Amino acid sequence: MLRSIPMPRQLSVGVLYTLLGAVCFGTTGTIQAFAPEGCQPLAVGTMRLVVGGLVMLLWVRCRSGFTHHVPWPKKATLTAAVGIIVFQILFFQSLVRTGVAVGTVIAIGFGPMAGGIIEYLLRGSVPSRSWFTATALALCGLVTLSIDDKATIDMTGVLMALGAGAGYALYAANSQTILADRSPQEMIAVLFTFGGIAMSPILFFYDISWMFSMRGFISIVLIGVIGTAMAYSFFATGLATLPLSSGLTLGLAEPLVAALFGILLLGEPCSFQTVMGICIIFSGMFVIARNPT
């Protein structure tokens, strides 16, 4: 089924939902930082998918149920699930090495550029002028952050964050194909349940006793419900009416939220260069919000 051309009101609603999703995404690094000592990034990423998938399965089952008259696009579903798994594996590992603020900025900041390239390769559509402007600003912001001597920079962590950003864009690109015939909630329920099952063997290689403490349990529930189920549901709803490149650029609200939480709640370094880098990235997000087509 071909997607209809979105009207201006639809674009505005899409922008709002995308920003809400990005804000929810921005809580994940901080929630992980408040988890008990000894928690492993891969275990957190796995449980994030498991809890998020179960929450969305229950939501769909209690609301309207799954659509049965349209077959699932198998290739897009598998590729999107791989993108999610890659993101989970690399993202939380990168946060440990680079810090919540910088790691999130790099991972999500790379998303729009990767998304524009993927969109061109998959659909042959050239990103808008706004995308080029916003991406250029995002790159300038990332460079400003990377040369900050007071920030916690680890090149392995930076590479992991870039890989996570590519996985994030791969998921977003293929999710648009699924959203042509399915609701965002259906898509998230299936993709995250699949991803959680695929990653669950990782739990056998780690000590997961921390999950059964009150603090660990609350952390897993929060990151699964707010940072996963709500975040991806909002983001997918917005992505259904926006160009991929624009949606991913609006997702730059996530590192802004993560950076603010990292600085205000976790006491991470905040120099003039850090503030400048964040402001430059925000300006790119503002450009694409003004003209998302």
C-alpha atoms as a PDB file:
ATOM      1  CA  MET A   1       0.000   0.000   0.000  1.00  0.00           C
ATOM      2  CA  LEU A   2       1.380   3.392  -1.011  1.00  0.00           C
ATOM      3  CA  ARG A   3       1.674   6.038   1.653  1.00  0.00           C
ATOM      4  CA  SER A   4      -0.426   9.137   1.016  1.00  0.00           C
ATOM      5  CA  ILE A   5       1.212  12.532   0.924  1.00  0.00           C
ATOM      6  CA  PRO A   6       1.030  13.977   4.453  1.00  0.00           C
ATOM      7  CA  MET A   7      -0.806  17.277   4.950  1.00  0.00           C
ATOM      8  CA  PRO A   8       0.699  20.186   6.947  1.00  0.00           C
ATOM      9  CA  ARG A   9      -1.372  19.285  10.046  1.00  0.00           C
ATOM     10  CA  GLN A  10      -0.177  15.678   9.814  1.00  0.00           C
ATOM     11  CA  LEU A  11       3.406  16.909   9.581  1.00  0.00           C
ATOM     12  CA  SER A  12       2.942  19.054  12.700  1.00  0.00           C
ATOM     13  CA  VAL A  13       1.489  16.120  14.638  1.00  0.00           C
ATOM     14  CA  GLY A  14       4.321  13.941  13.325  1.00  0.00           C
ATOM     15  CA  VAL A  15       6.885  16.454  14.577  1.00  0.00           C
ATOM     16  CA  LEU A  16       5.228  16.505  18.017  1.00  0.00           C
ATOM     17  CA  TYR A  17       5.142  12.704  18.362  1.00  0.00           C
ATOM     18  CA  THR A  18       8.730  12.395  17.153  1.00  0.00           C
ATOM     19  CA  LEU A  19       9.912  14.939  19.719  1.00  0.00           C
ATOM     20  CA  LEU A  20       7.967  13.185  22.501  1.00  0.00           C
ATOM     21  CA  GLY A  21       9.631   9.916  21.537  1.00  0.00           C
ATOM     22  CA  ALA A  22      13.042  11.555  21.509  1.00  0.00           C
ATOM     23  CA  VAL A  23      12.492  12.984  25.004  1.00  0.00           C
ATOM     24  CA  CYS A  24      11.550   9.511  26.298  1.00  0.00           C
ATOM     25  CA  PHE A  25      14.628   8.064  24.584  1.00  0.00           C
ATOM     26  CA  GLY A  26      16.778  10.627  26.365  1.00  0.00           C
ATOM     27  CA  THR A  27      16.014   9.086  29.760  1.00  0.00           C
ATOM     28  CA  THR A  28      17.642   5.703  29.015  1.00  0.00           C
ATOM     29  CA  GLY A  29      21.271   6.564  29.745  1.00  0.00           C
ATOM     30  CA  THR A  30      20.417   8.292  33.014  1.00  0.00           C
ATOM     31  CA  ILE A  31      18.202   5.395  34.144  1.00  0.00           C
ATOM     32  CA  GLN A  32      21.044   2.980  33.395  1.00  0.00           C
ATOM     33  CA  ALA A  33      23.447   5.161  35.399  1.00  0.00           C
ATOM     34  CA  PHE A  34      21.143   4.915  38.439  1.00  0.00           C
ATOM     35  CA  ALA A  35      20.946   1.107  38.169  1.00  0.00           C
ATOM     36  CA  PRO A  36      22.849  -0.915  40.826  1.00  0.00           C
ATOM     37  CA  GLU A  37      26.601  -1.370  40.536  1.00  0.00           C
ATOM     38  CA  GLY A  38      27.537  -4.463  38.573  1.00  0.00           C
ATOM     39  CA  CYS A  39      24.837  -4.091  35.933  1.00  0.00           C
ATOM     40  CA  GLN A  40      26.179  -4.904  32.477  1.00  0.00           C
ATOM     41  CA  PRO A  41      25.281  -2.777  29.427  1.00  0.00           C
ATOM     42  CA  LEU A  42      24.363  -5.804  27.294  1.00  0.00           C
ATOM     43  CA  ALA A  43      22.099  -7.168  30.032  1.00  0.00           C
ATOM     44  CA  VAL A  44      20.385  -3.782  30.324  1.00  0.00           C
ATOM     45  CA  GLY A  45      19.918  -3.595  26.545  1.00  0.00           C
ATOM     46  CA  THR A  46      18.471  -7.102  26.466  1.00  0.00           C
ATOM     47  CA  MET A  47      16.011  -6.499  29.292  1.00  0.00           C
ATOM     48  CA  ARG A  48      15.037  -3.224  27.671  1.00  0.00           C
ATOM     49  CA  LEU A  49      13.820  -5.152  24.624  1.00  0.00           C
ATOM     50  CA  VAL A  50      12.172  -7.895  26.681  1.00  0.00           C
ATOM     51  CA  VAL A  51      10.180  -5.517  28.901  1.00  0.00           C
ATOM     52  CA  GLY A  52       9.374  -3.104  26.065  1.00  0.00           C
ATOM     53  CA  GLY A  53       8.197  -5.938  23.822  1.00  0.00           C
ATOM     54  CA  LEU A  54       5.971  -7.461  26.522  1.00  0.00           C
ATOM     55  CA  VAL A  55       4.418  -4.093  27.382  1.00  0.00           C
ATOM     56  CA  MET A  56       3.566  -3.408  23.737  1.00  0.00           C
ATOM     57  CA  LEU A  57       2.218  -6.944  23.197  1.00  0.00           C
ATOM     58  CA  LEU A  58      -0.168  -6.450  26.126  1.00  0.00           C
ATOM     59  CA  TRP A  59      -1.113  -2.990  24.870  1.00  0.00           C
ATOM     60  CA  VAL A  60      -1.987  -4.233  21.367  1.00  0.00           C
ATOM     61  CA  ARG A  61      -3.799  -7.289  22.713  1.00  0.00           C
ATOM     62  CA  CYS A  62      -5.958  -5.205  25.059  1.00  0.00           C
ATOM     63  CA  ARG A  63      -6.698  -2.448  22.564  1.00  0.00           C
ATOM     64  CA  SER A  64      -7.454  -3.582  19.020  1.00  0.00           C
ATOM     65  CA  GLY A  65      -5.443  -6.743  18.442  1.00  0.00           C
ATOM     66  CA  PHE A  66      -3.169  -7.481  15.506  1.00  0.00           C
ATOM     67  CA  THR A  67      -4.027  -6.901  11.862  1.00  0.00           C
ATOM     68  CA  HIS A  68      -4.477 -10.290  10.181  1.00  0.00           C
ATOM     69  CA  HIS A  69      -5.553  -9.495   6.608  1.00  0.00           C
ATOM     70  CA  VAL A  70      -2.174  -8.059   5.553  1.00  0.00           C
ATOM     71  CA  PRO A  71       1.021 -10.178   5.536  1.00  0.00           C
ATOM     72  CA  TRP A  72       4.075  -8.902   7.372  1.00  0.00           C
ATOM     73  CA  PRO A  73       6.890  -7.606   5.119  1.00  0.00           C
ATOM     74  CA  LYS A  74       9.438 -10.224   6.173  1.00  0.00           C
ATOM     75  CA  LYS A  75      12.574  -8.586   4.768  1.00  0.00           C
ATOM     76  CA  ALA A  76      11.825  -5.167   6.276  1.00  0.00           C
ATOM     77  CA  THR A  77      10.838  -6.742   9.615  1.00  0.00           C
ATOM     78  CA  LEU A  78      14.021  -8.815   9.856  1.00  0.00           C
ATOM     79  CA  THR A  79      16.254  -5.900   8.821  1.00  0.00           C
ATOM     80  CA  ALA A  80      14.567  -3.514  11.272  1.00  0.00           C
ATOM     81  CA  ALA A  81      14.979  -6.066  14.075  1.00  0.00           C
ATOM     82  CA  VAL A  82      18.688  -6.431  13.232  1.00  0.00           C
ATOM     83  CA  GLY A  83      19.034  -2.639  13.394  1.00  0.00           C
ATOM     84  CA  ILE A  84      17.442  -2.603  16.849  1.00  0.00           C
ATOM     85  CA  ILE A  85      19.713  -5.390  18.112  1.00  0.00           C
ATOM     86  CA  VAL A  86      22.828  -3.640  16.776  1.00  0.00           C
ATOM     87  CA  PHE A  87      21.733  -0.426  18.462  1.00  0.00           C
ATOM     88  CA  GLN A  88      21.169  -2.115  21.833  1.00  0.00           C
ATOM     89  CA  ILE A  89      24.498  -3.951  21.762  1.00  0.00           C
ATOM     90  CA  LEU A  90      26.581  -0.899  20.884  1.00  0.00           C
ATOM     91  CA  PHE A  91      24.678   1.976  22.468  1.00  0.00           C
ATOM     92  CA  PHE A  92      24.848   1.018  26.143  1.00  0.00           C
ATOM     93  CA  GLN A  93      28.462  -0.100  25.770  1.00  0.00           C
ATOM     94  CA  SER A  94      29.354   3.298  24.315  1.00  0.00           C
ATOM     95  CA  LEU A  95      27.709   5.137  27.236  1.00  0.00           C
ATOM     96  CA  VAL A  96      29.999   3.370  29.701  1.00  0.00           C
ATOM     97  CA  ARG A  97      33.077   4.488  27.737  1.00  0.00           C
ATOM     98  CA  THR A  98      32.120   8.037  26.737  1.00  0.00           C
ATOM     99  CA  GLY A  99      29.550   9.121  29.335  1.00  0.00           C
ATOM    100  CA  VAL A 100      25.800   9.545  28.919  1.00  0.00           C
ATOM    101  CA  ALA A 101      25.867  13.038  27.407  1.00  0.00           C
ATOM    102  CA  VAL A 102      28.585  12.597  24.770  1.00  0.00           C
ATOM    103  CA  GLY A 103      27.726   8.981  23.880  1.00  0.00           C
ATOM    104  CA  THR A 104      24.073   9.784  23.240  1.00  0.00           C
ATOM    105  CA  VAL A 105      24.882  12.902  21.237  1.00  0.00           C
ATOM    106  CA  ILE A 106      27.234  10.973  18.953  1.00  0.00           C
ATOM    107  CA  ALA A 107      24.948   7.943  18.495  1.00  0.00           C
ATOM    108  CA  ILE A 108      21.779   9.886  17.724  1.00  0.00           C
ATOM    109  CA  GLY A 109      23.608  12.766  16.058  1.00  0.00           C
ATOM    110  CA  PHE A 110      24.938  10.340  13.453  1.00  0.00           C
ATOM    111  CA  GLY A 111      21.429   8.996  12.811  1.00  0.00           C
ATOM    112  CA  PRO A 112      20.203  11.721  10.406  1.00  0.00           C
ATOM    113  CA  MET A 113      23.263  11.423   8.176  1.00  0.00           C
ATOM    114  CA  ALA A 114      23.005   7.627   8.095  1.00  0.00           C
ATOM    115  CA  GLY A 115      19.250   7.906   7.538  1.00  0.00           C
ATOM    116  CA  GLY A 116      19.663  10.228   4.565  1.00  0.00           C
ATOM    117  CA  ILE A 117      22.128   7.823   2.960  1.00  0.00           C
ATOM    118  CA  ILE A 118      19.915   4.783   3.623  1.00  0.00           C
ATOM    119  CA  GLU A 119      16.841   6.618   2.315  1.00  0.00           C
ATOM    120  CA  TYR A 120      18.682   7.414  -0.912  1.00  0.00           C
ATOM    121  CA  LEU A 121      19.927   3.831  -1.325  1.00  0.00           C
ATOM    122  CA  LEU A 122      16.517   2.255  -0.588  1.00  0.00           C
ATOM    123  CA  ARG A 123      14.163   4.691  -2.310  1.00  0.00           C
ATOM    124  CA  GLY A 124      16.361   6.879  -4.474  1.00  0.00           C
ATOM    125  CA  SER A 125      14.976  10.006  -2.786  1.00  0.00           C
ATOM    126  CA  VAL A 126      17.416  12.865  -2.278  1.00  0.00           C
ATOM    127  CA  PRO A 127      17.125  14.468   1.187  1.00  0.00           C
ATOM    128  CA  SER A 128      15.827  18.029   1.379  1.00  0.00           C
ATOM    129  CA  ARG A 129      17.930  21.148   1.667  1.00  0.00           C
ATOM    130  CA  SER A 130      16.832  21.413   5.294  1.00  0.00           C
ATOM    131  CA  TRP A 131      18.316  17.967   5.924  1.00  0.00           C
ATOM    132  CA  PHE A 132      21.684  18.992   4.481  1.00  0.00           C
ATOM    133  CA  THR A 133      21.697  22.167   6.600  1.00  0.00           C
ATOM    134  CA  ALA A 134      20.649  20.333   9.750  1.00  0.00           C
ATOM    135  CA  THR A 135      23.143  17.517   9.185  1.00  0.00           C
ATOM    136  CA  ALA A 136      25.971  20.007   8.640  1.00  0.00           C
ATOM    137  CA  LEU A 137      25.077  21.729  11.907  1.00  0.00           C
ATOM    138  CA  ALA A 138      24.892  18.366  13.701  1.00  0.00           C
ATOM    139  CA  LEU A 139      28.350  17.427  12.460  1.00  0.00           C
ATOM    140  CA  CYS A 140      29.738  20.788  13.596  1.00  0.00           C
ATOM    141  CA  GLY A 141      28.193  20.184  17.005  1.00  0.00           C
ATOM    142  CA  LEU A 142      29.707  16.708  17.205  1.00  0.00           C
ATOM    143  CA  VAL A 143      33.141  18.052  16.280  1.00  0.00           C
ATOM    144  CA  THR A 144      32.798  20.733  18.962  1.00  0.00           C
ATOM    145  CA  LEU A 145      32.014  18.070  21.543  1.00  0.00           C
ATOM    146  CA  SER A 146      34.799  15.749  20.400  1.00  0.00           C
ATOM    147  CA  ILE A 147      37.540  18.374  20.860  1.00  0.00           C
ATOM    148  CA  ASP A 148      36.389  19.197  24.393  1.00  0.00           C
ATOM    149  CA  ASP A 149      39.323  18.269  26.640  1.00  0.00           C
ATOM    150  CA  LYS A 150      37.109  18.149  29.713  1.00  0.00           C
ATOM    151  CA  ALA A 151      34.630  15.658  28.232  1.00  0.00           C
ATOM    152  CA  THR A 152      35.118  11.920  28.668  1.00  0.00           C
ATOM    153  CA  ILE A 153      36.198  10.763  25.193  1.00  0.00           C
ATOM    154  CA  ASP A 154      37.149   7.213  24.329  1.00  0.00           C
ATOM    155  CA  MET A 155      37.649   6.436  20.623  1.00  0.00           C
ATOM    156  CA  THR A 156      36.376   2.869  20.984  1.00  0.00           C
ATOM    157  CA  GLY A 157      33.286   4.273  22.661  1.00  0.00           C
ATOM    158  CA  VAL A 158      32.907   6.842  19.865  1.00  0.00           C
ATOM    159  CA  LEU A 159      33.060   4.094  17.206  1.00  0.00           C
ATOM    160  CA  MET A 160      30.493   2.067  19.146  1.00  0.00           C
ATOM    161  CA  ALA A 161      28.223   5.121  19.301  1.00  0.00           C
ATOM    162  CA  LEU A 162      28.549   5.647  15.536  1.00  0.00           C
ATOM    163  CA  GLY A 163      27.699   1.986  14.937  1.00  0.00           C
ATOM    164  CA  ALA A 164      24.689   2.356  17.206  1.00  0.00           C
ATOM    165  CA  GLY A 165      23.569   5.376  15.192  1.00  0.00           C
ATOM    166  CA  ALA A 166      23.800   3.358  11.965  1.00  0.00           C
ATOM    167  CA  GLY A 167      21.732   0.550  13.507  1.00  0.00           C
ATOM    168  CA  TYR A 168      19.163   3.110  14.682  1.00  0.00           C
ATOM    169  CA  ALA A 169      18.859   4.526  11.151  1.00  0.00           C
ATOM    170  CA  LEU A 170      18.561   1.022   9.666  1.00  0.00           C
ATOM    171  CA  TYR A 171      15.643   0.291  11.991  1.00  0.00           C
ATOM    172  CA  ALA A 172      13.937   3.613  11.196  1.00  0.00           C
ATOM    173  CA  ALA A 173      14.280   3.188   7.412  1.00  0.00           C
ATOM    174  CA  ASN A 174      12.711  -0.274   7.373  1.00  0.00           C
ATOM    175  CA  SER A 175      10.061   0.611   9.941  1.00  0.00           C
ATOM    176  CA  GLN A 176       8.487   2.992   7.416  1.00  0.00           C
ATOM    177  CA  THR A 177       7.787   0.012   5.137  1.00  0.00           C
ATOM    178  CA  ILE A 178       6.086  -1.848   7.991  1.00  0.00           C
ATOM    179  CA  LEU A 179       4.093   1.228   9.033  1.00  0.00           C
ATOM    180  CA  ALA A 180       2.448   1.384   5.610  1.00  0.00           C
ATOM    181  CA  ASP A 181       0.055  -1.387   6.722  1.00  0.00           C
ATOM    182  CA  ARG A 182       0.548  -1.744  10.493  1.00  0.00           C
ATOM    183  CA  SER A 183       0.092   0.468  13.524  1.00  0.00           C
ATOM    184  CA  PRO A 184       3.231   1.692  15.315  1.00  0.00           C
ATOM    185  CA  GLN A 185       2.225  -0.308  18.391  1.00  0.00           C
ATOM    186  CA  GLU A 186       1.937  -3.544  16.407  1.00  0.00           C
ATOM    187  CA  MET A 187       5.320  -2.984  14.819  1.00  0.00           C
ATOM    188  CA  ILE A 188       7.063  -2.220  18.108  1.00  0.00           C
ATOM    189  CA  ALA A 189       5.468  -5.245  19.811  1.00  0.00           C
ATOM    190  CA  VAL A 190       6.716  -7.643  17.126  1.00  0.00           C
ATOM    191  CA  LEU A 191      10.169  -6.130  16.566  1.00  0.00           C
ATOM    192  CA  PHE A 192      11.040  -5.822  20.237  1.00  0.00           C
ATOM    193  CA  THR A 193       9.724  -9.241  21.163  1.00  0.00           C
ATOM    194  CA  PHE A 194      11.818 -10.720  18.351  1.00  0.00           C
ATOM    195  CA  GLY A 195      14.838  -8.684  19.433  1.00  0.00           C
ATOM    196  CA  GLY A 196      14.415  -9.644  23.078  1.00  0.00           C
ATOM    197  CA  ILE A 197      14.239 -13.352  22.218  1.00  0.00           C
ATOM    198  CA  ALA A 198      17.295 -13.073  19.951  1.00  0.00           C
ATOM    199  CA  MET A 199      19.370 -11.328  22.645  1.00  0.00           C
ATOM    200  CA  SER A 200      18.128 -13.316  25.664  1.00  0.00           C
ATOM    201  CA  PRO A 201      20.986 -15.922  25.546  1.00  0.00           C
ATOM    202  CA  ILE A 202      23.321 -13.058  26.554  1.00  0.00           C
ATOM    203  CA  LEU A 203      21.785 -13.155  30.045  1.00  0.00           C
ATOM    204  CA  PHE A 204      23.317 -16.599  30.691  1.00  0.00           C
ATOM    205  CA  PHE A 205      26.818 -15.105  30.487  1.00  0.00           C
ATOM    206  CA  TYR A 206      26.338 -12.412  33.136  1.00  0.00           C
ATOM    207  CA  ASP A 207      25.499 -12.153  36.801  1.00  0.00           C
ATOM    208  CA  ILE A 208      21.971 -10.743  36.705  1.00  0.00           C
ATOM    209  CA  SER A 209      21.277 -10.889  40.449  1.00  0.00           C
ATOM    210  CA  TRP A 210      21.233  -7.075  40.496  1.00  0.00           C
ATOM    211  CA  MET A 211      17.939  -7.174  38.555  1.00  0.00           C
ATOM    212  CA  PHE A 212      16.175  -8.719  41.550  1.00  0.00           C
ATOM    213  CA  SER A 213      17.002  -5.855  43.901  1.00  0.00           C
ATOM    214  CA  MET A 214      14.413  -3.095  44.281  1.00  0.00           C
ATOM    215  CA  ARG A 215      16.661  -0.547  42.585  1.00  0.00           C
ATOM    216  CA  GLY A 216      17.479  -2.936  39.742  1.00  0.00           C
ATOM    217  CA  PHE A 217      13.834  -3.902  39.217  1.00  0.00           C
ATOM    218  CA  ILE A 218      12.707  -0.264  39.113  1.00  0.00           C
ATOM    219  CA  SER A 219      15.498   0.609  36.662  1.00  0.00           C
ATOM    220  CA  ILE A 220      14.527  -2.221  34.292  1.00  0.00           C
ATOM    221  CA  VAL A 221      10.822  -1.318  34.441  1.00  0.00           C
ATOM    222  CA  LEU A 222      11.489   2.384  33.802  1.00  0.00           C
ATOM    223  CA  ILE A 223      13.874   1.776  30.927  1.00  0.00           C
ATOM    224  CA  GLY A 224      11.489  -0.799  29.426  1.00  0.00           C
ATOM    225  CA  VAL A 225       8.303   1.265  29.741  1.00  0.00           C
ATOM    226  CA  ILE A 226       9.452   4.900  29.339  1.00  0.00           C
ATOM    227  CA  GLY A 227      12.740   4.524  27.466  1.00  0.00           C
ATOM    228  CA  THR A 228      11.515   1.762  25.147  1.00  0.00           C
ATOM    229  CA  ALA A 229       7.771   1.099  24.807  1.00  0.00           C
ATOM    230  CA  MET A 230       6.662   4.737  25.058  1.00  0.00           C
ATOM    231  CA  ALA A 231       9.713   6.130  23.271  1.00  0.00           C
ATOM    232  CA  TYR A 232       9.569   3.881  20.233  1.00  0.00           C
ATOM    233  CA  SER A 233       5.767   4.050  20.030  1.00  0.00           C
ATOM    234  CA  PHE A 234       5.790   7.865  19.945  1.00  0.00           C
ATOM    235  CA  PHE A 235       8.732   7.948  17.552  1.00  0.00           C
ATOM    236  CA  ALA A 236       7.204   5.403  15.149  1.00  0.00           C
ATOM    237  CA  THR A 237       3.904   7.314  15.156  1.00  0.00           C
ATOM    238  CA  GLY A 238       5.734  10.471  14.104  1.00  0.00           C
ATOM    239  CA  LEU A 239       7.881   8.631  11.584  1.00  0.00           C
ATOM    240  CA  ALA A 240       4.748   7.370   9.812  1.00  0.00           C
ATOM    241  CA  THR A 241       4.048  10.908   8.514  1.00  0.00           C
ATOM    242  CA  LEU A 242       7.573  12.323   8.155  1.00  0.00           C
ATOM    243  CA  PRO A 243      10.451  11.739   5.746  1.00  0.00           C
ATOM    244  CA  LEU A 244      13.018   9.410   7.303  1.00  0.00           C
ATOM    245  CA  SER A 245      15.820  11.978   7.251  1.00  0.00           C
ATOM    246  CA  SER A 246      13.620  14.616   8.915  1.00  0.00           C
ATOM    247  CA  GLY A 247      12.382  12.222  11.588  1.00  0.00           C
ATOM    248  CA  LEU A 248      15.914  11.200  12.515  1.00  0.00           C
ATOM    249  CA  THR A 249      17.044  14.809  12.675  1.00  0.00           C
ATOM    250  CA  LEU A 250      14.193  15.608  15.068  1.00  0.00           C
ATOM    251  CA  GLY A 251      15.454  12.665  17.084  1.00  0.00           C
ATOM    252  CA  LEU A 252      18.382  14.893  18.007  1.00  0.00           C
ATOM    253  CA  ALA A 253      16.174  16.048  20.885  1.00  0.00           C
ATOM    254  CA  GLU A 254      17.229  12.793  22.555  1.00  0.00           C
ATOM    255  CA  PRO A 255      20.901  13.698  23.054  1.00  0.00           C
ATOM    256  CA  LEU A 256      19.858  17.139  24.244  1.00  0.00           C
ATOM    257  CA  VAL A 257      17.694  15.591  26.960  1.00  0.00           C
ATOM    258  CA  ALA A 258      20.369  12.988  27.748  1.00  0.00           C
ATOM    259  CA  ALA A 259      23.055  15.662  27.943  1.00  0.00           C
ATOM    260  CA  LEU A 260      20.968  17.798  30.286  1.00  0.00           C
ATOM    261  CA  PHE A 261      20.196  14.804  32.514  1.00  0.00           C
ATOM    262  CA  GLY A 262      23.836  13.749  32.451  1.00  0.00           C
ATOM    263  CA  ILE A 263      24.982  17.214  33.485  1.00  0.00           C
ATOM    264  CA  LEU A 264      22.221  18.062  35.978  1.00  0.00           C
ATOM    265  CA  LEU A 265      21.591  14.653  37.574  1.00  0.00           C
ATOM    266  CA  LEU A 266      24.841  12.738  37.111  1.00  0.00           C
ATOM    267  CA  GLY A 267      27.312  15.595  37.505  1.00  0.00           C
ATOM    268  CA  GLU A 268      29.033  14.943  34.170  1.00  0.00           C
ATOM    269  CA  PRO A 269      31.502  17.608  32.944  1.00  0.00           C
ATOM    270  CA  CYS A 270      29.947  20.729  31.449  1.00  0.00           C
ATOM    271  CA  SER A 271      32.362  23.118  29.803  1.00  0.00           C
ATOM    272  CA  PHE A 272      31.735  25.990  27.407  1.00  0.00           C
ATOM    273  CA  GLN A 273      32.496  23.697  24.460  1.00  0.00           C
ATOM    274  CA  THR A 274      29.965  21.145  25.661  1.00  0.00           C
ATOM    275  CA  VAL A 275      27.274  23.824  25.851  1.00  0.00           C
ATOM    276  CA  MET A 276      28.238  25.166  22.408  1.00  0.00           C
ATOM    277  CA  GLY A 277      28.143  21.691  20.854  1.00  0.00           C
ATOM    278  CA  ILE A 278      24.697  21.023  22.286  1.00  0.00           C
ATOM    279  CA  CYS A 279      23.406  24.417  21.107  1.00  0.00           C
ATOM    280  CA  ILE A 280      24.711  23.847  17.573  1.00  0.00           C
ATOM    281  CA  ILE A 281      22.980  20.459  17.386  1.00  0.00           C
ATOM    282  CA  PHE A 282      19.790  22.032  18.734  1.00  0.00           C
ATOM    283  CA  SER A 283      19.912  24.631  15.953  1.00  0.00           C
ATOM    284  CA  GLY A 284      20.000  21.815  13.402  1.00  0.00           C
ATOM    285  CA  MET A 285      16.949  20.221  15.009  1.00  0.00           C
ATOM    286  CA  PHE A 286      15.163  23.598  14.869  1.00  0.00           C
ATOM    287  CA  VAL A 287      15.879  23.907  11.140  1.00  0.00           C
ATOM    288  CA  ILE A 288      14.299  20.538  10.348  1.00  0.00           C
ATOM    289  CA  ALA A 289      11.342  21.173  12.681  1.00  0.00           C
ATOM    290  CA  ARG A 290      10.555  24.350  10.740  1.00  0.00           C
ATOM    291  CA  ASN A 291      10.574  22.493   7.419  1.00  0.00           C
ATOM    292  CA  PRO A 292      10.255  18.705   7.881  1.00  0.00           C
ATOM    293  CA  THR A 293       9.470  17.896   4.219  1.00  0.00           C
END
